[in-house]
N, C-alpha and C. Protein backbone atom coordinates (compact mmCIF):
# COMPACT_ATOMS: atom_id res chain seq x y z
N MET A 1 93.76 59.11 138.81
CA MET A 1 94.53 60.47 138.49
C MET A 1 95.84 59.96 139.74
N ALA A 2 96.70 61.25 138.91
CA ALA A 2 98.26 61.12 139.66
C ALA A 2 97.75 61.16 141.24
N GLN A 3 98.49 60.62 142.02
CA GLN A 3 98.26 61.34 142.81
C GLN A 3 99.90 61.88 143.62
N TYR A 4 100.04 62.75 144.20
CA TYR A 4 101.42 63.58 144.48
C TYR A 4 101.29 64.19 146.33
N ARG A 5 102.72 63.27 146.59
CA ARG A 5 102.84 63.57 148.20
C ARG A 5 103.44 64.41 148.68
N VAL A 6 103.47 66.04 149.08
CA VAL A 6 104.00 66.67 149.08
C VAL A 6 104.78 67.14 150.22
N LEU A 7 106.12 67.90 149.75
CA LEU A 7 107.27 67.20 150.76
C LEU A 7 107.81 68.85 151.59
N GLN A 8 107.53 70.11 151.06
CA GLN A 8 107.65 71.04 151.11
C GLN A 8 106.16 72.10 151.24
N GLY A 9 105.68 72.69 152.13
CA GLY A 9 104.57 73.48 151.17
C GLY A 9 104.17 74.20 150.15
N ILE A 10 102.90 74.16 149.87
CA ILE A 10 103.24 74.95 148.26
C ILE A 10 101.38 75.71 147.86
N ASP A 11 102.00 76.69 147.28
CA ASP A 11 100.83 77.28 146.97
C ASP A 11 100.35 77.10 145.22
N TYR A 12 99.51 76.63 145.15
CA TYR A 12 98.97 76.49 143.80
C TYR A 12 97.73 76.59 142.83
N PRO A 13 97.51 76.94 141.62
CA PRO A 13 96.39 77.36 141.00
C PRO A 13 94.82 76.59 141.10
N PRO A 14 93.96 76.50 141.35
CA PRO A 14 93.41 78.08 141.92
C PRO A 14 93.41 78.64 143.68
N ASN A 15 94.58 78.70 143.72
CA ASN A 15 94.05 79.73 145.38
C ASN A 15 93.94 78.41 147.04
N LYS A 16 94.81 77.67 145.93
CA LYS A 16 94.80 76.05 146.73
C LYS A 16 96.51 76.02 147.95
N ARG A 17 96.11 75.92 149.04
CA ARG A 17 97.89 75.39 149.51
C ARG A 17 97.73 74.02 150.05
N ALA A 18 98.90 73.14 149.69
CA ALA A 18 98.95 71.99 150.46
C ALA A 18 100.28 72.26 151.01
N GLU A 19 100.53 71.29 152.81
CA GLU A 19 101.81 71.30 153.49
C GLU A 19 102.17 69.78 153.38
N ALA A 20 103.70 70.58 153.68
CA ALA A 20 104.04 68.87 153.14
C ALA A 20 103.58 67.43 154.26
N GLY A 21 103.49 66.34 154.02
CA GLY A 21 103.06 65.54 154.15
C GLY A 21 101.31 65.30 153.53
N GLN A 22 100.81 66.04 153.34
CA GLN A 22 99.56 65.82 152.72
C GLN A 22 100.10 65.54 151.26
N VAL A 23 99.03 64.47 150.47
CA VAL A 23 98.92 64.07 149.50
C VAL A 23 97.83 64.09 148.55
N VAL A 24 97.96 64.92 147.30
CA VAL A 24 97.34 66.04 146.30
C VAL A 24 97.19 65.08 144.84
N SER A 25 96.15 65.46 144.58
CA SER A 25 95.60 64.77 142.93
C SER A 25 95.52 66.15 142.12
N ASP A 26 95.57 66.64 142.32
CA ASP A 26 95.16 68.20 141.82
C ASP A 26 95.93 68.88 141.82
N LEU A 27 97.61 68.77 141.05
CA LEU A 27 98.01 70.09 140.72
C LEU A 27 98.19 70.16 139.04
N PRO A 28 98.58 71.23 138.96
CA PRO A 28 98.14 71.57 136.86
C PRO A 28 99.39 70.78 136.91
N PRO A 29 99.19 69.61 135.70
CA PRO A 29 99.80 69.46 134.42
C PRO A 29 101.68 69.48 134.49
N GLN A 30 101.43 70.98 133.89
CA GLN A 30 102.26 71.22 133.30
C GLN A 30 103.65 71.52 134.74
N SER A 31 102.88 71.61 135.94
CA SER A 31 103.98 71.78 136.67
C SER A 31 104.69 70.34 137.52
N ILE A 32 103.58 69.11 137.89
CA ILE A 32 104.08 68.18 137.88
C ILE A 32 105.76 68.11 138.07
N LYS A 33 106.18 67.93 136.50
CA LYS A 33 107.91 67.23 136.56
C LYS A 33 108.43 68.54 137.03
N TRP A 34 108.15 70.16 137.13
CA TRP A 34 109.61 70.07 137.57
C TRP A 34 109.21 70.53 139.26
N LEU A 35 108.02 70.46 139.40
CA LEU A 35 108.17 70.04 141.03
C LEU A 35 108.35 69.17 141.38
N VAL A 36 108.62 68.18 141.02
CA VAL A 36 109.11 66.61 141.12
C VAL A 36 110.88 67.23 140.95
N GLU A 37 111.17 67.43 140.16
CA GLU A 37 113.02 67.32 139.84
C GLU A 37 113.01 68.22 141.10
N SER A 38 112.39 69.17 141.29
CA SER A 38 113.31 70.07 142.29
C SER A 38 112.80 69.38 144.23
N GLY A 39 111.95 68.43 143.94
CA GLY A 39 111.92 67.60 145.59
C GLY A 39 110.78 68.61 146.10
N ILE A 40 110.05 69.08 145.11
CA ILE A 40 109.48 69.44 146.36
C ILE A 40 107.69 68.88 146.59
N ILE A 41 107.19 67.71 145.00
CA ILE A 41 106.65 66.84 144.86
C ILE A 41 107.42 65.42 145.42
N GLU A 42 106.56 63.88 145.85
CA GLU A 42 106.90 62.66 144.81
C GLU A 42 105.77 61.73 144.91
N ASP A 43 106.00 60.44 144.26
CA ASP A 43 104.84 60.07 143.79
C ASP A 43 104.44 59.46 144.66
N ALA A 44 103.15 59.42 144.95
CA ALA A 44 102.62 59.33 146.37
C ALA A 44 102.26 57.67 146.14
N SER A 45 103.18 57.10 145.47
CA SER A 45 102.57 55.18 144.73
C SER A 45 103.63 55.42 145.38
N LYS A 46 104.74 55.55 145.17
CA LYS A 46 105.89 54.67 146.22
C LYS A 46 105.99 55.54 147.60
N PRO A 47 107.48 54.63 147.88
CA PRO A 47 106.87 54.62 149.60
C PRO A 47 108.00 55.79 149.61
N ALA A 48 107.24 56.65 150.78
CA ALA A 48 107.36 57.66 151.39
C ALA A 48 109.19 58.02 151.73
N LYS A 49 109.61 58.93 151.47
CA LYS A 49 111.22 59.16 151.30
C LYS A 49 111.45 59.29 153.13
N LYS A 50 112.25 58.46 153.36
CA LYS A 50 112.94 58.26 154.57
C LYS A 50 113.51 59.66 155.32
N ILE A 51 112.76 60.50 156.36
CA ILE A 51 113.79 61.59 157.03
C ILE A 51 114.86 60.96 157.92
N GLU A 52 115.89 60.96 157.31
CA GLU A 52 117.28 60.90 158.46
C GLU A 52 117.46 61.46 159.44
N GLU A 53 116.99 60.99 160.54
CA GLU A 53 117.59 62.05 161.65
C GLU A 53 118.52 62.31 161.90
N PRO A 54 119.15 63.67 162.24
CA PRO A 54 120.26 64.74 162.57
C PRO A 54 121.24 63.68 163.31
N VAL A 55 122.72 63.49 163.17
CA VAL A 55 123.31 63.19 163.98
C VAL A 55 123.76 63.60 164.72
N VAL A 56 123.71 63.52 166.35
CA VAL A 56 124.18 64.84 166.98
C VAL A 56 124.83 63.74 168.08
N GLU A 57 126.54 64.87 167.88
CA GLU A 57 127.64 64.21 168.41
C GLU A 57 127.92 64.62 169.61
N GLU A 58 128.28 63.47 171.15
CA GLU A 58 127.90 63.34 172.20
C GLU A 58 129.13 64.93 172.92
N SER A 59 128.49 65.96 173.68
CA SER A 59 129.07 66.28 173.44
C SER A 59 131.07 66.26 174.78
N LYS A 60 132.25 67.18 174.59
CA LYS A 60 133.21 66.39 174.91
C LYS A 60 133.32 67.16 176.01
N GLU A 61 134.05 67.08 177.34
CA GLU A 61 133.95 67.21 178.87
C GLU A 61 134.94 68.58 178.28
N GLU A 62 134.33 69.86 179.07
CA GLU A 62 135.86 70.59 178.56
C GLU A 62 136.45 70.69 179.87
N PRO A 63 137.35 71.45 179.41
CA PRO A 63 138.71 71.59 180.29
C PRO A 63 138.26 72.38 181.33
N LYS A 64 138.60 71.33 183.25
CA LYS A 64 138.17 71.54 184.08
C LYS A 64 139.09 73.23 184.03
N ALA A 65 138.90 74.52 185.50
CA ALA A 65 139.67 75.55 185.09
C ALA A 65 140.23 75.04 186.59
N GLU A 66 141.86 75.65 186.22
CA GLU A 66 142.73 75.52 187.22
C GLU A 66 141.96 76.43 188.44
N PRO A 67 141.90 75.60 190.05
CA PRO A 67 142.02 76.32 190.56
C PRO A 67 142.88 78.04 190.84
N VAL A 68 141.69 79.10 191.36
CA VAL A 68 142.80 80.45 191.61
C VAL A 68 143.28 80.43 192.88
N VAL A 69 144.62 79.95 192.28
CA VAL A 69 145.37 81.00 193.55
C VAL A 69 145.44 82.21 194.46
N GLU A 70 145.60 82.64 195.55
CA GLU A 70 145.33 83.60 195.94
C GLU A 70 147.04 84.41 195.80
N ALA A 71 146.59 85.03 195.16
CA ALA A 71 147.94 85.94 194.98
C ALA A 71 148.62 86.60 195.87
N LYS A 72 149.72 86.32 196.17
CA LYS A 72 150.32 86.54 197.17
C LYS A 72 150.80 88.59 197.17
N GLU A 73 150.66 88.53 198.87
CA GLU A 73 150.78 89.82 199.02
C GLU A 73 152.07 90.22 198.38
N GLU A 74 151.85 91.79 198.05
CA GLU A 74 153.03 92.45 196.71
C GLU A 74 154.24 92.51 197.49
N GLU A 75 154.30 92.08 196.93
CA GLU A 75 156.98 93.10 198.06
C GLU A 75 156.57 94.34 197.96
N ALA A 76 156.72 94.91 198.83
CA ALA A 76 156.46 96.64 199.45
C ALA A 76 158.00 96.98 198.34
N PHE A 77 157.46 98.36 197.75
CA PHE A 77 158.56 99.44 196.66
C PHE A 77 159.85 99.71 198.34
N ASP A 78 160.73 98.32 198.43
CA ASP A 78 161.78 99.15 199.42
C ASP A 78 162.79 100.51 198.46
N PRO A 79 163.26 101.45 199.18
CA PRO A 79 164.32 102.53 198.46
C PRO A 79 165.40 102.16 198.51
N ASN A 80 165.84 101.36 199.36
CA ASN A 80 167.34 100.42 200.14
C ASN A 80 167.63 99.41 199.25
N ALA A 81 166.44 99.10 198.47
CA ALA A 81 167.08 97.64 198.13
C ALA A 81 168.52 97.67 197.68
N GLU A 82 169.29 96.40 197.12
CA GLU A 82 170.60 96.10 197.09
C GLU A 82 169.90 95.21 195.32
N ASP A 83 171.03 95.42 195.62
CA ASP A 83 171.11 94.01 194.02
C ASP A 83 172.32 92.75 194.20
N ILE A 84 171.67 92.59 195.11
CA ILE A 84 172.40 90.70 195.50
C ILE A 84 173.22 89.84 194.76
N ASP A 85 171.83 89.83 193.61
CA ASP A 85 173.06 89.05 192.97
C ASP A 85 172.99 89.40 191.14
N GLY A 86 173.73 90.60 191.64
CA GLY A 86 175.01 91.52 190.48
C GLY A 86 174.07 91.30 189.15
N ASP A 87 172.23 90.92 189.16
CA ASP A 87 172.17 91.16 187.40
C ASP A 87 172.03 92.43 186.65
N GLY A 88 172.16 93.52 187.74
CA GLY A 88 171.66 95.17 187.45
C GLY A 88 170.67 95.91 187.77
N PHE A 89 169.53 94.72 188.38
CA PHE A 89 168.12 95.30 188.41
C PHE A 89 167.91 95.09 190.23
N LEU A 90 167.45 96.07 190.28
CA LEU A 90 166.58 96.15 191.87
C LEU A 90 165.43 95.44 191.44
N GLN A 91 165.33 94.35 193.45
CA GLN A 91 163.73 94.48 193.74
C GLN A 91 163.18 93.23 191.95
N ASP A 92 164.39 92.39 191.40
CA ASP A 92 163.43 91.32 190.36
C ASP A 92 162.35 90.78 190.87
N GLY A 93 161.50 90.61 188.92
CA GLY A 93 160.66 89.70 189.10
C GLY A 93 159.11 90.36 189.86
N THR A 94 159.39 91.40 190.98
CA THR A 94 158.43 92.58 191.63
C THR A 94 158.47 93.72 190.79
N PRO A 95 157.07 94.24 191.28
CA PRO A 95 156.39 95.26 189.49
C PRO A 95 157.42 96.73 190.41
N HIS A 96 158.50 96.44 191.82
CA HIS A 96 159.30 97.30 191.39
C HIS A 96 160.43 97.20 191.15
N GLN A 97 160.87 96.29 190.23
CA GLN A 97 161.62 95.92 189.41
C GLN A 97 162.26 97.40 189.03
N ARG A 98 163.50 97.22 188.78
CA ARG A 98 164.29 98.81 188.13
C ARG A 98 165.67 98.31 188.58
N PRO A 99 166.04 98.50 187.00
CA PRO A 99 168.05 98.56 186.80
C PRO A 99 168.73 99.69 187.74
N VAL A 100 169.84 98.63 188.36
CA VAL A 100 170.46 99.86 189.59
C VAL A 100 171.45 101.13 189.06
N GLU A 101 170.41 102.07 189.94
CA GLU A 101 170.59 103.58 189.11
C GLU A 101 172.89 104.00 190.19
N GLU A 102 173.58 104.08 188.74
CA GLU A 102 174.64 104.49 189.41
C GLU A 102 174.71 105.13 189.93
N LYS A 103 175.42 105.49 191.17
CA LYS A 103 175.89 106.66 192.67
C LYS A 103 177.68 107.10 192.25
């Protein structure tokens, strides 16, 4: 009687179970063709298919974070600031930057 290697666990009549790797000879004859075509079983007289190991790529080194630079002490609000560079703004580049008010 022909023997078949089970590649995926299957239940088959009457109330039987075969796990992957088992060799069985009592499968229903009408099911053998589609089980082979589906890759669920294979002929045990042939060498077992080699299971390919997944290729694991080496992890790339993560970029290193830039060192944290201490924030400079914020410039204080200067109510008497002057537009020294003449661009129309007072306290340029600070959170207190504002347009020059016409007097």
